Amino acid sequence: MEELPKCPKCGSEYTYEDGALLICPECAHEWSGTQNEENSEDIVVHRDTNGVILSAGDTVTIIKDLNVKGAGFTAKRGTAVRNISLASNPEQIEGRVNGVKIVLLTCFLKKS
């Protein structure tokens, strides 16, 4: 049995073939099996601490008190960060906490 490529959108390894298309059961992304695989590696997928995929504009909740360097305050556990923006690093997002735009690590966040 041949090895099917991972989903270029979410990185899931559970893809399957349906005719000429490859389908991801986790995010419902469909793509042609003849697509250039070099382009699929450029996609950055951001995931929260539970493995849920994050998108720009989502709302996340901080799960641990975080000291914000340079701003002089602590981002408290349970704080909702609305309308996030994604960074080029899959382990970081940007959002506003107490009116200050900061970089947050995705390992300390969960999607709301």
N, C-alpha and C. Protein backbone atom coordinates (compact mmCIF):
# COMPACT_ATOMS: atom_id res chain seq x y z
N MET A 1 0.84 -1.18 0.00
CA MET A 1 0.00 0.00 0.00
C MET A 1 0.88 1.24 0.00
N GLU A 2 0.54 2.21 -0.86
CA GLU A 2 1.37 3.40 -0.97
C GLU A 2 1.09 4.38 0.17
N GLU A 3 2.09 5.16 0.49
CA GLU A 3 2.00 6.15 1.57
C GLU A 3 1.35 7.42 1.02
N LEU A 4 0.25 7.85 1.61
CA LEU A 4 -0.43 9.07 1.18
C LEU A 4 0.18 10.27 1.89
N PRO A 5 0.24 11.43 1.22
CA PRO A 5 0.82 12.62 1.86
C PRO A 5 -0.07 13.16 2.97
N LYS A 6 0.54 13.89 3.89
CA LYS A 6 -0.22 14.54 4.96
C LYS A 6 -1.01 15.70 4.39
N CYS A 7 -2.04 16.10 5.10
CA CYS A 7 -2.88 17.21 4.68
C CYS A 7 -2.04 18.50 4.66
N PRO A 8 -2.06 19.25 3.55
CA PRO A 8 -1.28 20.49 3.50
C PRO A 8 -1.87 21.60 4.35
N LYS A 9 -3.12 21.49 4.74
CA LYS A 9 -3.77 22.55 5.52
C LYS A 9 -3.55 22.36 7.02
N CYS A 10 -3.79 21.14 7.54
CA CYS A 10 -3.69 20.94 8.99
C CYS A 10 -2.58 19.96 9.39
N GLY A 11 -1.99 19.26 8.43
CA GLY A 11 -0.90 18.35 8.74
C GLY A 11 -1.34 16.97 9.21
N SER A 12 -2.62 16.65 9.08
CA SER A 12 -3.13 15.36 9.51
C SER A 12 -2.57 14.24 8.64
N GLU A 13 -2.27 13.12 9.26
CA GLU A 13 -1.74 11.98 8.52
C GLU A 13 -2.84 11.00 8.10
N TYR A 14 -4.10 11.30 8.41
CA TYR A 14 -5.21 10.39 8.13
C TYR A 14 -5.93 10.72 6.83
N THR A 15 -5.20 11.10 5.80
CA THR A 15 -5.81 11.42 4.52
C THR A 15 -6.22 10.14 3.80
N TYR A 16 -7.18 10.29 2.89
CA TYR A 16 -7.62 9.16 2.09
C TYR A 16 -7.95 9.64 0.68
N GLU A 17 -7.97 8.69 -0.26
CA GLU A 17 -8.25 8.99 -1.66
C GLU A 17 -9.73 8.81 -1.97
N ASP A 18 -10.25 9.71 -2.80
CA ASP A 18 -11.60 9.60 -3.32
C ASP A 18 -11.53 9.97 -4.79
N GLY A 19 -11.34 8.99 -5.62
CA GLY A 19 -11.14 9.25 -7.05
C GLY A 19 -9.79 9.89 -7.26
N ALA A 20 -9.79 11.08 -7.89
CA ALA A 20 -8.54 11.79 -8.15
C ALA A 20 -8.19 12.76 -7.03
N LEU A 21 -9.04 12.87 -6.03
CA LEU A 21 -8.81 13.81 -4.93
C LEU A 21 -8.29 13.12 -3.69
N LEU A 22 -7.53 13.85 -2.90
CA LEU A 22 -7.14 13.43 -1.56
C LEU A 22 -7.97 14.26 -0.59
N ILE A 23 -8.46 13.63 0.48
CA ILE A 23 -9.35 14.29 1.43
C ILE A 23 -8.82 14.10 2.84
N CYS A 24 -8.92 15.17 3.63
CA CYS A 24 -8.54 15.11 5.04
C CYS A 24 -9.82 15.02 5.87
N PRO A 25 -9.99 13.98 6.69
CA PRO A 25 -11.20 13.85 7.49
C PRO A 25 -11.25 14.82 8.68
N GLU A 26 -10.12 15.38 9.07
CA GLU A 26 -10.10 16.27 10.23
C GLU A 26 -10.52 17.69 9.91
N CYS A 27 -10.07 18.23 8.76
CA CYS A 27 -10.41 19.61 8.42
C CYS A 27 -11.24 19.71 7.14
N ALA A 28 -11.56 18.59 6.51
CA ALA A 28 -12.38 18.50 5.30
C ALA A 28 -11.72 19.18 4.10
N HIS A 29 -10.42 19.33 4.12
CA HIS A 29 -9.69 19.92 2.99
C HIS A 29 -9.57 18.89 1.88
N GLU A 30 -9.82 19.31 0.64
CA GLU A 30 -9.68 18.44 -0.53
C GLU A 30 -8.65 19.05 -1.46
N TRP A 31 -7.80 18.20 -2.01
CA TRP A 31 -6.80 18.68 -2.95
C TRP A 31 -6.46 17.59 -3.94
N SER A 32 -5.90 18.01 -5.04
CA SER A 32 -5.52 17.09 -6.11
C SER A 32 -4.26 16.35 -5.69
N GLY A 33 -4.19 15.09 -5.98
CA GLY A 33 -3.02 14.30 -5.64
C GLY A 33 -1.80 14.65 -6.45
N THR A 34 -1.99 15.46 -7.50
CA THR A 34 -0.88 15.84 -8.36
C THR A 34 -0.32 17.21 -8.03
N GLN A 35 -0.78 17.85 -6.94
CA GLN A 35 -0.28 19.16 -6.55
C GLN A 35 1.21 19.09 -6.25
N ASN A 36 1.85 20.19 -6.44
CA ASN A 36 3.27 20.28 -6.15
C ASN A 36 3.48 20.22 -4.63
N GLU A 37 4.22 19.25 -4.15
CA GLU A 37 4.40 19.07 -2.71
C GLU A 37 5.28 20.14 -2.10
N GLU A 38 6.06 20.86 -2.91
CA GLU A 38 6.90 21.92 -2.36
C GLU A 38 6.05 23.04 -1.77
N ASN A 39 4.91 23.35 -2.38
CA ASN A 39 4.04 24.41 -1.89
C ASN A 39 3.36 24.01 -0.59
N SER A 40 3.09 22.73 -0.39
CA SER A 40 2.37 22.30 0.80
C SER A 40 3.23 22.42 2.06
N GLU A 41 4.54 22.44 1.93
CA GLU A 41 5.41 22.56 3.09
C GLU A 41 5.50 24.00 3.59
N ASP A 42 5.08 24.98 2.77
CA ASP A 42 5.14 26.37 3.16
C ASP A 42 4.01 26.77 4.11
N ILE A 43 2.99 25.94 4.25
CA ILE A 43 1.85 26.27 5.08
C ILE A 43 2.21 26.05 6.55
N VAL A 44 1.97 27.08 7.36
CA VAL A 44 2.26 27.02 8.79
C VAL A 44 0.94 26.79 9.52
N VAL A 45 0.90 25.77 10.38
CA VAL A 45 -0.30 25.45 11.13
C VAL A 45 -0.05 25.79 12.60
N HIS A 46 -0.90 26.63 13.16
CA HIS A 46 -0.82 27.00 14.57
C HIS A 46 -1.80 26.14 15.35
N ARG A 47 -1.35 25.52 16.43
CA ARG A 47 -2.20 24.69 17.28
C ARG A 47 -2.08 25.14 18.73
N ASP A 48 -3.21 25.06 19.46
CA ASP A 48 -3.18 25.41 20.87
C ASP A 48 -2.64 24.25 21.69
N THR A 49 -2.69 24.35 23.00
CA THR A 49 -2.14 23.33 23.87
C THR A 49 -2.86 21.99 23.75
N ASN A 50 -4.13 22.00 23.29
CA ASN A 50 -4.89 20.77 23.12
C ASN A 50 -4.81 20.22 21.70
N GLY A 51 -4.06 20.88 20.81
CA GLY A 51 -3.92 20.42 19.44
C GLY A 51 -4.97 20.95 18.49
N VAL A 52 -5.81 21.87 18.94
CA VAL A 52 -6.85 22.46 18.09
C VAL A 52 -6.20 23.51 17.19
N ILE A 53 -6.58 23.51 15.92
CA ILE A 53 -6.01 24.44 14.95
C ILE A 53 -6.54 25.85 15.21
N LEU A 54 -5.61 26.82 15.24
CA LEU A 54 -5.97 28.22 15.45
C LEU A 54 -5.97 28.95 14.11
N SER A 55 -6.90 29.89 13.96
CA SER A 55 -7.00 30.72 12.77
C SER A 55 -6.93 32.19 13.19
N ALA A 56 -6.57 33.04 12.24
CA ALA A 56 -6.55 34.48 12.52
C ALA A 56 -7.96 34.93 12.87
N GLY A 57 -8.09 35.74 13.91
CA GLY A 57 -9.38 36.24 14.35
C GLY A 57 -10.03 35.41 15.44
N ASP A 58 -9.46 34.28 15.79
CA ASP A 58 -10.01 33.43 16.85
C ASP A 58 -9.86 34.10 18.21
N THR A 59 -10.59 33.55 19.18
CA THR A 59 -10.44 33.96 20.58
C THR A 59 -9.82 32.80 21.35
N VAL A 60 -8.79 33.11 22.13
CA VAL A 60 -8.10 32.09 22.93
C VAL A 60 -8.10 32.53 24.38
N THR A 61 -7.87 31.57 25.28
CA THR A 61 -7.81 31.83 26.71
C THR A 61 -6.42 31.43 27.22
N ILE A 62 -5.85 32.27 28.05
CA ILE A 62 -4.54 31.98 28.65
C ILE A 62 -4.74 30.97 29.77
N ILE A 63 -3.91 29.91 29.80
CA ILE A 63 -4.08 28.85 30.79
C ILE A 63 -3.06 28.90 31.93
N LYS A 64 -2.16 29.90 31.90
CA LYS A 64 -1.14 30.03 32.95
C LYS A 64 -0.78 31.50 33.08
N ASP A 65 -0.55 31.98 34.31
CA ASP A 65 -0.11 33.36 34.50
C ASP A 65 1.23 33.55 33.78
N LEU A 66 1.31 34.61 32.97
CA LEU A 66 2.51 34.86 32.17
C LEU A 66 3.04 36.26 32.46
N ASN A 67 4.31 36.36 32.82
CA ASN A 67 4.94 37.67 33.00
C ASN A 67 5.22 38.26 31.63
N VAL A 68 4.79 39.49 31.41
CA VAL A 68 5.00 40.16 30.13
C VAL A 68 6.23 41.05 30.28
N LYS A 69 7.31 40.66 29.62
CA LYS A 69 8.55 41.41 29.73
C LYS A 69 8.44 42.73 29.00
N GLY A 70 8.93 43.79 29.61
CA GLY A 70 8.93 45.11 29.01
C GLY A 70 7.65 45.89 29.23
N ALA A 71 6.56 45.23 29.61
CA ALA A 71 5.30 45.92 29.82
C ALA A 71 4.99 46.09 31.30
N GLY A 72 5.61 45.30 32.15
CA GLY A 72 5.46 45.47 33.59
C GLY A 72 4.16 44.96 34.17
N PHE A 73 3.55 43.97 33.56
CA PHE A 73 2.35 43.37 34.14
C PHE A 73 2.36 41.87 33.88
N THR A 74 1.42 41.18 34.52
CA THR A 74 1.27 39.75 34.35
C THR A 74 -0.05 39.47 33.65
N ALA A 75 0.00 38.69 32.58
CA ALA A 75 -1.23 38.25 31.89
C ALA A 75 -1.78 37.10 32.71
N LYS A 76 -2.94 37.30 33.31
CA LYS A 76 -3.50 36.33 34.25
C LYS A 76 -4.16 35.16 33.54
N ARG A 77 -4.16 34.01 34.21
CA ARG A 77 -4.83 32.82 33.73
C ARG A 77 -6.32 33.11 33.57
N GLY A 78 -6.91 32.65 32.49
CA GLY A 78 -8.33 32.87 32.24
C GLY A 78 -8.63 34.10 31.41
N THR A 79 -7.61 34.90 31.11
CA THR A 79 -7.81 36.09 30.30
C THR A 79 -8.11 35.70 28.86
N ALA A 80 -9.17 36.26 28.29
CA ALA A 80 -9.53 35.99 26.90
C ALA A 80 -8.77 36.96 26.00
N VAL A 81 -8.14 36.41 24.98
CA VAL A 81 -7.44 37.21 23.97
C VAL A 81 -8.24 37.08 22.69
N ARG A 82 -8.86 38.18 22.27
CA ARG A 82 -9.75 38.15 21.11
C ARG A 82 -9.02 38.64 19.86
N ASN A 83 -9.50 38.18 18.72
CA ASN A 83 -9.01 38.63 17.42
C ASN A 83 -7.50 38.47 17.29
N ILE A 84 -7.02 37.25 17.47
CA ILE A 84 -5.58 36.99 17.40
C ILE A 84 -5.09 37.10 15.96
N SER A 85 -3.80 37.34 15.81
CA SER A 85 -3.16 37.28 14.50
C SER A 85 -2.04 36.26 14.59
N LEU A 86 -1.79 35.57 13.49
CA LEU A 86 -0.82 34.48 13.47
C LEU A 86 0.54 34.99 13.05
N ALA A 87 1.57 34.47 13.67
CA ALA A 87 2.95 34.82 13.34
C ALA A 87 3.51 33.77 12.38
N SER A 88 4.68 34.02 11.85
CA SER A 88 5.29 33.06 10.92
C SER A 88 5.79 31.81 11.67
N ASN A 89 6.03 31.94 12.96
CA ASN A 89 6.45 30.82 13.79
C ASN A 89 5.18 30.09 14.26
N PRO A 90 5.06 28.77 14.05
CA PRO A 90 3.83 28.05 14.44
C PRO A 90 3.62 27.97 15.94
N GLU A 91 4.60 28.33 16.75
CA GLU A 91 4.46 28.28 18.20
C GLU A 91 4.11 29.63 18.80
N GLN A 92 3.87 30.66 17.96
CA GLN A 92 3.59 32.00 18.46
C GLN A 92 2.36 32.60 17.78
N ILE A 93 1.60 33.40 18.55
CA ILE A 93 0.53 34.22 18.01
C ILE A 93 0.68 35.62 18.60
N GLU A 94 -0.03 36.58 18.04
CA GLU A 94 -0.03 37.93 18.57
C GLU A 94 -1.44 38.29 18.99
N GLY A 95 -1.57 39.01 20.08
CA GLY A 95 -2.88 39.43 20.56
C GLY A 95 -2.74 40.56 21.57
N ARG A 96 -3.87 41.18 21.90
CA ARG A 96 -3.87 42.29 22.85
C ARG A 96 -4.32 41.82 24.23
N VAL A 97 -3.49 42.12 25.24
CA VAL A 97 -3.81 41.85 26.63
C VAL A 97 -3.60 43.16 27.38
N ASN A 98 -4.63 43.63 28.09
CA ASN A 98 -4.59 44.92 28.79
C ASN A 98 -4.23 46.07 27.85
N GLY A 99 -4.68 46.00 26.60
CA GLY A 99 -4.44 47.06 25.63
C GLY A 99 -3.07 47.06 25.02
N VAL A 100 -2.24 46.09 25.34
CA VAL A 100 -0.88 46.01 24.82
C VAL A 100 -0.79 44.80 23.90
N LYS A 101 -0.28 45.00 22.67
CA LYS A 101 -0.12 43.89 21.73
C LYS A 101 1.15 43.13 22.10
N ILE A 102 0.98 41.82 22.41
CA ILE A 102 2.10 40.99 22.84
C ILE A 102 2.14 39.71 22.02
N VAL A 103 3.28 39.04 22.07
CA VAL A 103 3.46 37.74 21.45
C VAL A 103 3.22 36.68 22.53
N LEU A 104 2.38 35.70 22.21
CA LEU A 104 2.05 34.62 23.16
C LEU A 104 2.47 33.29 22.56
N LEU A 105 2.96 32.40 23.40
CA LEU A 105 3.29 31.06 22.96
C LEU A 105 2.02 30.21 22.97
N THR A 106 1.83 29.42 21.92
CA THR A 106 0.60 28.63 21.79
C THR A 106 0.50 27.53 22.83
N CYS A 107 1.60 27.15 23.46
CA CYS A 107 1.54 26.10 24.48
C CYS A 107 0.88 26.58 25.77
N PHE A 108 0.65 27.90 25.90
CA PHE A 108 -0.02 28.45 27.08
C PHE A 108 -1.42 28.96 26.75
N LEU A 109 -1.99 28.51 25.65
CA LEU A 109 -3.30 28.98 25.19
C LEU A 109 -4.21 27.82 24.88
N LYS A 110 -5.52 28.06 25.01
CA LYS A 110 -6.51 27.12 24.50
C LYS A 110 -7.59 27.91 23.78
N LYS A 111 -8.10 27.33 22.72
CA LYS A 111 -9.12 27.99 21.91
C LYS A 111 -10.43 28.05 22.69
N SER A 112 -11.10 29.20 22.63
CA SER A 112 -12.37 29.38 23.34
C SER A 112 -13.53 29.06 22.45
